[in-house]
C-alpha cells in the first residue's frame, strides 16, 4: 500500500507541477515585458518630454525677442502669432505638451499593468505555497515547484516595484501641464522684454565658444578680411581711371568689412559677458587664439579699408 501511495502521490505531484509550470509560462512574457528596467525607460521618456516643454517655453520667450526686432509692437497673442518664428515656437510647445501627456499616460498604463500582473503572480504563488505545505516527500518535482515559488517571489517583488514607480516619479507640474498650458503661455507673454532679451543672450552667447561655431566664424572672418583687402586693392587700381570707377570696389570692401565687424563684435560681447565659461573649457587656449585671430582679421581689414578710402579721396 505504501508503495502504491508513493506512486500515486508522485504522479499527482507531477500533474501539479505541469499545471504550475503552464500557468507561469502564460505569465512569463508579461513579467518579462514589465521588468523594472522598462519602467525606468518609461519614466525617462516622461522626464525628457517634460524637459522638452521647459525648452519649448524658453524658445517661445526667445522668439518674442526676435519678433519684436522684426516689427511686432503689440503685447497680445494675436499680435505675436503674426510673426512666423513665434507661431512656429508656439506650435512646437503645443506639440511638446501633447507628447508629455502621451508619455505620462503610457507610463501610468504600464505601471497599472505591472500591478495587475503582480496580483496574478501572487495568486500563483499562493497556490504553490498551499500545495507545498501538503507535501512531505522530497521528489525532484517538489524541488522544481519550490524553485518556481522562489522565482515568483522575485518576479512579484520587481512587478510591485514597477507598479509603484509611476506614483513616485510623476508630480503635479507634469500631471497638470496640459491643463495649465494656456496659463503657461500667458505667463510667458507677460515676461518683461528686457528679461527675455537677457535670457536669450545668456543662451546664445556661450554657443559662440562651441568648437564648430568658433571654427565657422574664424573662417568667415579671415575669408571676409581677405575679400576686403582684395576689394581695396582693386579700388586703388581703378582709381587711376577716376574716383567713380573706384567706388563700386570700395562699396564691396565696406560691405565685407561690416560682416567681419559683426563677427568680431559678437565675440567682444561674448567674452565681456560670458568669458567665465571659457575658464572651465578644456579648449580654452585654442578658443582664445581663434578669438584673437578674428579680432586681428577685423583690425587689419578695417585699417586696409581706411587706408584705401583715404588714398582714393586724396586722389579725387
Protein backbone atom coordinates (compact mmCIF):
# COMPACT_ATOMS: atom_id res chain seq x y z
CA UNK A 1 0.00 0.00 0.00
CA UNK A 2 2.76 2.33 0.93
CA UNK A 3 4.46 1.90 -2.45
CA UNK A 4 1.18 2.45 -4.30
CA UNK A 5 0.53 5.64 -2.30
CA UNK A 6 4.01 6.95 -3.19
CA UNK A 7 3.47 6.25 -6.90
CA UNK A 8 0.08 7.96 -6.97
CA UNK A 9 1.42 10.80 -4.82
CA UNK A 10 4.35 11.32 -7.18
CA UNK A 11 2.06 11.21 -10.18
CA UNK A 12 -0.27 13.79 -8.61
CA UNK A 13 2.74 15.95 -7.76
CA UNK A 14 3.89 15.78 -11.40
CA UNK A 15 0.41 16.86 -12.50
CA UNK A 16 0.51 19.85 -10.18
CA UNK A 17 3.98 20.75 -11.42
CA UNK A 18 2.72 20.70 -15.03
CA UNK A 19 -0.19 22.97 -14.08
CA UNK A 20 2.02 25.44 -12.20
CA UNK A 21 4.58 25.45 -15.00
CA UNK A 22 1.85 26.07 -17.62
CA UNK A 23 0.34 28.90 -15.57
CA UNK A 24 3.76 30.51 -15.13
CA UNK A 25 4.59 30.20 -18.84
CA UNK A 26 1.39 32.12 -19.64
CA UNK A 27 2.51 34.95 -17.34
CA UNK A 28 6.21 34.88 -18.29
CA UNK A 29 6.06 37.21 -21.36
CA UNK A 30 4.13 39.87 -19.40
CA UNK A 31 6.50 39.51 -16.43
CA UNK A 32 9.47 39.98 -18.77
CA UNK A 33 7.96 42.97 -20.61
CA UNK A 34 7.12 44.65 -17.28
CA UNK A 35 10.57 44.44 -15.72
CA UNK A 36 11.65 47.45 -13.66
CA UNK A 37 14.21 48.41 -16.32
CA UNK A 38 11.25 49.04 -18.64
CA UNK A 39 9.52 51.19 -16.02
CA UNK A 40 12.71 53.25 -15.77
CA UNK A 41 12.67 53.72 -19.55
CA UNK A 42 9.05 54.96 -19.41
CA UNK A 43 9.96 57.37 -16.60
CA UNK A 44 12.94 58.63 -18.57
CA UNK A 45 10.78 59.30 -21.64
CA UNK A 46 8.29 61.19 -19.48
CA UNK A 47 11.14 63.23 -17.95
CA UNK A 48 12.57 64.01 -21.40
CA UNK A 49 9.12 65.10 -22.61
CA UNK A 50 8.81 67.43 -19.61
CA UNK A 51 12.27 68.85 -20.26
CA UNK A 52 11.23 69.45 -23.89
CA UNK A 53 8.31 71.52 -22.59
CA UNK A 54 10.69 73.64 -20.50
CA UNK A 55 12.92 74.10 -23.54
CA UNK A 56 9.84 74.97 -25.59
CA UNK A 57 8.88 77.68 -23.08
CA UNK A 58 12.38 79.13 -23.32
CA UNK A 59 12.23 79.05 -27.13
CA UNK A 60 8.84 80.79 -27.10
CA UNK A 61 10.18 83.58 -24.86
CA UNK A 62 13.23 83.95 -27.12
CA UNK A 63 11.06 84.04 -30.24
CA UNK A 64 9.30 87.08 -28.72
CA UNK A 65 12.63 88.94 -28.69
CA UNK A 66 13.16 88.17 -32.39
CA UNK A 67 9.53 89.05 -33.18
CA UNK A 68 9.90 92.49 -31.55
CA UNK A 69 13.06 93.11 -33.55
CA UNK A 70 11.09 92.03 -36.62
CA UNK A 71 8.49 94.72 -36.03
CA UNK A 72 5.88 93.33 -33.63
CA UNK A 73 4.75 96.22 -31.44
CA UNK A 74 1.73 94.79 -29.59
CA UNK A 75 1.77 92.72 -26.42
CA UNK A 76 -1.02 90.20 -27.06
CA UNK A 77 -1.00 86.71 -28.51
CA UNK A 78 -2.88 87.93 -31.59
CA UNK A 79 -0.04 90.38 -32.29
CA UNK A 80 2.73 87.84 -31.92
CA UNK A 81 1.17 84.95 -33.88
CA UNK A 82 1.52 87.15 -36.98
CA UNK A 83 5.26 86.54 -36.63
CA UNK A 84 6.32 83.28 -38.32
CA UNK A 85 9.03 82.42 -35.76
CA UNK A 86 6.74 82.96 -32.77
CA UNK A 87 3.91 80.97 -34.37
CA UNK A 88 6.31 78.10 -35.03
CA UNK A 89 7.66 78.19 -31.45
CA UNK A 90 4.10 78.18 -30.07
CA UNK A 91 3.22 75.18 -32.25
CA UNK A 92 6.32 73.30 -31.06
CA UNK A 93 5.45 73.99 -27.42
CA UNK A 94 1.91 72.74 -28.03
CA UNK A 95 3.33 69.55 -29.59
CA UNK A 96 5.72 69.12 -26.64
CA UNK A 97 2.75 69.42 -24.22
CA UNK A 98 0.83 66.74 -26.17
CA UNK A 99 3.89 64.46 -26.12
CA UNK A 100 4.19 64.90 -22.35
CA UNK A 101 0.54 63.88 -21.91
CA UNK A 102 1.07 60.84 -24.15
CA UNK A 103 4.24 59.71 -22.35
CA UNK A 104 2.66 60.24 -18.92
CA UNK A 105 -0.39 58.16 -19.84
CA UNK A 106 1.79 55.42 -21.34
CA UNK A 107 3.87 55.31 -18.14
CA UNK A 108 0.75 55.15 -15.96
CA UNK A 109 -0.76 52.35 -18.09
CA UNK A 110 2.47 50.37 -17.94
CA UNK A 111 2.64 50.60 -14.15
CA UNK A 112 -1.03 49.63 -13.81
CA UNK A 113 -0.39 46.57 -15.98
CA UNK A 114 2.59 45.70 -13.78
CA UNK A 115 0.27 45.87 -10.76
CA UNK A 116 -2.28 43.55 -12.42
CA UNK A 117 0.47 41.08 -13.35
CA UNK A 118 1.85 41.28 -9.81
CA UNK A 119 -1.58 40.25 -8.47
CA UNK A 120 -1.75 37.32 -10.91
CA UNK A 121 1.74 36.16 -9.95
CA UNK A 122 0.62 36.48 -6.32
CA UNK A 123 -2.31 34.11 -6.94
CA UNK A 124 0.03 31.53 -8.49
CA UNK A 125 2.43 32.00 -5.60
CA UNK A 126 -0.36 31.35 -3.05
CA UNK A 127 -1.47 28.20 -4.90
CA UNK A 128 2.09 26.86 -4.97
CA UNK A 129 2.65 27.63 -1.26
CA UNK A 130 -0.63 25.89 -0.35
CA UNK A 131 0.31 22.84 -2.40
CA UNK A 132 3.82 22.62 -0.95
CA UNK A 133 2.51 22.75 2.61
CA UNK A 134 0.61 19.50 1.99
CA UNK A 135 3.66 17.71 0.56
CA UNK A 136 6.22 15.91 2.69
CA UNK A 137 8.14 13.96 0.07
CA UNK A 138 11.37 15.31 -1.42
CA UNK A 139 10.84 14.34 -5.04
CA UNK A 140 12.56 16.11 -7.94
CA UNK A 141 9.20 17.61 -8.86
CA UNK A 142 8.88 19.18 -5.42
CA UNK A 143 12.28 20.82 -5.90
CA UNK A 144 11.10 22.20 -9.25
CA UNK A 145 7.94 23.57 -7.66
CA UNK A 146 9.98 25.15 -4.85
CA UNK A 147 12.28 26.76 -7.45
CA UNK A 148 9.24 28.12 -9.28
CA UNK A 149 7.90 29.52 -6.00
CA UNK A 150 11.21 31.28 -5.41
CA UNK A 151 11.04 32.73 -8.94
CA UNK A 152 7.51 34.07 -8.42
CA UNK A 153 8.67 35.82 -5.23
CA UNK A 154 11.46 37.57 -7.17
CA UNK A 155 9.08 38.43 -10.03
CA UNK A 156 6.37 39.78 -7.77
CA UNK A 157 8.84 41.98 -5.92
CA UNK A 158 10.01 43.53 -9.22
CA UNK A 159 6.45 43.92 -10.53
CA UNK A 160 5.29 45.58 -7.30
CA UNK A 161 8.25 47.98 -7.54
CA UNK A 162 7.15 48.75 -11.13
CA UNK A 163 3.52 49.31 -10.14
CA UNK A 164 4.53 51.95 -7.57
CA UNK A 165 7.05 53.74 -9.78
CA UNK A 166 4.56 55.98 -11.59
CA UNK A 167 3.35 57.43 -8.27
CA UNK A 168 6.96 58.01 -7.22
CA UNK A 169 8.02 59.81 -10.40
CA UNK A 170 5.02 61.81 -11.53
CA UNK A 171 4.41 65.24 -9.97
CA UNK A 172 1.72 67.96 -10.16
CA UNK A 173 3.73 70.02 -12.66
CA UNK A 174 3.75 67.08 -15.09
CA UNK A 175 0.19 65.96 -14.38
CA UNK A 176 -1.30 69.44 -14.81
CA UNK A 177 0.90 70.69 -17.66
CA UNK A 178 -1.69 70.28 -20.42
CA UNK A 179 -4.45 71.73 -18.23
CA UNK A 180 -2.28 74.77 -17.41
CA UNK A 181 -0.98 75.23 -20.99
CA UNK A 182 -2.87 78.48 -21.65
CA UNK A 183 -1.71 79.89 -18.29
CA UNK A 184 1.88 78.97 -19.14
CA UNK A 185 1.71 80.77 -22.49
CA UNK A 186 0.03 83.79 -20.85
CA UNK A 187 2.82 83.86 -18.24
CA UNK A 188 5.49 83.88 -20.96
CA UNK A 189 3.65 86.70 -22.76
CA UNK A 190 3.77 88.79 -19.57
CA UNK A 191 7.53 88.43 -19.09
CA UNK A 192 9.47 91.69 -19.22
CA UNK A 193 11.07 92.24 -22.67
CA UNK A 194 14.41 93.15 -21.07
CA UNK A 195 14.45 89.89 -19.08
CA UNK A 196 13.60 87.87 -22.20
CA UNK A 197 16.39 89.54 -24.13
CA UNK A 198 18.85 88.91 -21.32
CA UNK A 199 17.82 85.22 -21.13
CA UNK A 200 18.12 84.83 -24.92
CA UNK A 201 21.59 86.33 -24.84
CA UNK A 202 22.59 84.02 -21.98
CA UNK A 203 21.53 81.04 -24.09
CA UNK A 204 23.04 82.12 -27.38
CA UNK A 205 26.28 83.93 -26.48
CA UNK A 206 28.15 80.98 -24.88
CA UNK A 207 27.30 78.96 -28.02
CA UNK A 208 29.80 81.15 -29.87
CA UNK A 209 32.58 79.31 -27.99
CA UNK A 210 31.42 75.86 -29.15
CA UNK A 211 34.03 74.28 -31.42
CA UNK A 212 32.01 74.09 -34.66
CA UNK A 213 30.71 77.68 -34.21
CA UNK A 214 34.04 79.32 -33.47
CA UNK A 215 35.72 77.44 -36.33
CA UNK A 216 32.99 78.58 -38.71
CA UNK A 217 33.20 82.19 -37.51
CA UNK A 218 37.01 82.17 -37.63
CA UNK A 219 36.88 81.00 -41.27
CA UNK A 220 34.22 83.61 -42.05
CA UNK A 221 36.26 86.45 -40.51
CA UNK A 222 39.56 85.50 -42.17
CA UNK A 223 37.93 84.97 -45.59
CA UNK A 224 35.97 88.22 -45.20
CA UNK A 225 39.12 90.17 -44.30
CA UNK A 226 40.82 88.78 -47.41
CA UNK A 227 37.89 89.93 -49.58
CA UNK A 228 38.15 93.42 -48.02
CA UNK A 229 41.86 93.54 -48.87
CA UNK A 230 41.24 92.38 -52.45
CA UNK A 231 38.41 94.89 -52.98
CA UNK A 232 40.56 97.70 -51.55
CA UNK A 233 43.43 96.84 -53.92
CA UNK A 234 41.01 96.78 -56.86
CA UNK A 235 39.61 100.16 -55.77
CA UNK A 236 43.06 101.76 -55.68
CA UNK A 237 43.90 100.29 -59.09
CA UNK A 238 40.61 101.51 -60.54
CA UNK A 239 41.07 104.98 -59.04
CA UNK A 240 43.65 105.69 -61.74
CA UNK A 241 40.76 105.96 -64.19
CA UNK A 242 38.79 108.25 -61.93
CA UNK A 243 37.18 108.09 -58.48
CA UNK A 244 33.82 106.92 -59.91
CA UNK A 245 35.44 103.69 -61.14
CA UNK A 246 36.88 103.00 -57.68
CA UNK A 247 33.62 103.49 -55.76
CA UNK A 248 31.98 100.08 -56.58
CA UNK A 249 35.06 98.26 -55.27
CA UNK A 250 35.12 100.46 -52.19
CA UNK A 251 31.43 99.71 -51.61
CA UNK A 252 32.15 95.94 -51.81
CA UNK A 253 35.01 96.36 -49.34
CA UNK A 254 32.73 98.23 -46.91
CA UNK A 255 30.02 95.54 -47.12
CA UNK A 256 32.57 92.78 -46.45
CA UNK A 257 34.13 94.79 -43.61
CA UNK A 258 30.73 95.13 -41.91
CA UNK A 259 30.35 91.33 -41.97
CA UNK A 260 33.76 90.84 -40.35
CA UNK A 261 32.94 93.56 -37.79
CA UNK A 262 29.69 91.79 -36.89
CA UNK A 263 31.56 88.54 -36.15
CA UNK A 264 34.21 90.36 -34.12
CA UNK A 265 31.61 92.38 -32.18
CA UNK A 266 29.80 89.17 -31.21
CA UNK A 267 32.98 87.79 -29.67
CA UNK A 268 33.85 91.05 -27.92
CA UNK A 269 30.40 90.95 -26.24
CA UNK A 270 30.58 87.22 -25.55
CA UNK A 271 33.99 87.48 -23.86
CA UNK A 272 32.89 90.56 -21.91
CA UNK A 273 29.68 88.97 -20.56
CA UNK A 274 30.32 85.23 -20.60
CA UNK A 275 34.10 84.93 -20.60
CA UNK A 276 33.94 82.92 -17.36
CA UNK A 277 32.51 79.96 -19.27
CA UNK A 278 35.89 79.71 -21.03
CA UNK A 279 37.67 79.10 -17.73
CA UNK A 280 36.14 75.61 -17.46
CA UNK A 281 36.71 74.71 -21.12
CA UNK A 282 39.45 72.23 -21.96
CA UNK A 283 39.89 74.10 -25.25
CA UNK A 284 40.32 77.50 -23.58
CA UNK A 285 43.73 78.26 -25.16
CA UNK A 286 42.61 77.23 -28.65
CA UNK A 287 39.39 79.27 -28.37
CA UNK A 288 41.21 82.37 -27.11
CA UNK A 289 43.71 82.13 -30.00
CA UNK A 290 40.87 81.96 -32.53
CA UNK A 291 39.10 84.92 -30.91
CA UNK A 292 42.36 86.89 -31.08
CA UNK A 293 42.73 85.89 -34.76
CA UNK A 294 39.19 87.13 -35.50
CA UNK A 295 39.99 90.45 -33.81
CA UNK A 296 43.24 90.75 -35.78
CA UNK A 297 41.44 89.95 -39.06
CA UNK A 298 38.96 92.74 -38.36
CA UNK A 299 41.62 95.28 -37.31
CA UNK A 300 43.70 94.52 -40.43
CA UNK A 301 40.68 94.76 -42.74
CA UNK A 302 39.50 97.99 -41.11
CA UNK A 303 42.97 99.53 -41.48
CA UNK A 304 43.18 98.48 -45.15
CA UNK A 305 39.73 99.96 -45.85
CA UNK A 306 40.55 103.24 -44.10
CA UNK A 307 43.83 103.47 -45.98
CA UNK A 308 42.21 102.76 -49.35
CA UNK A 309 39.38 105.24 -48.71
CA UNK A 310 41.86 107.97 -47.70
CA UNK A 311 44.10 107.31 -50.72
CA UNK A 312 41.18 107.42 -53.16
CA UNK A 313 39.77 110.58 -51.51
CA UNK A 314 43.12 112.35 -51.88
CA UNK A 315 43.43 111.17 -55.46
CA UNK A 316 39.96 112.53 -56.20
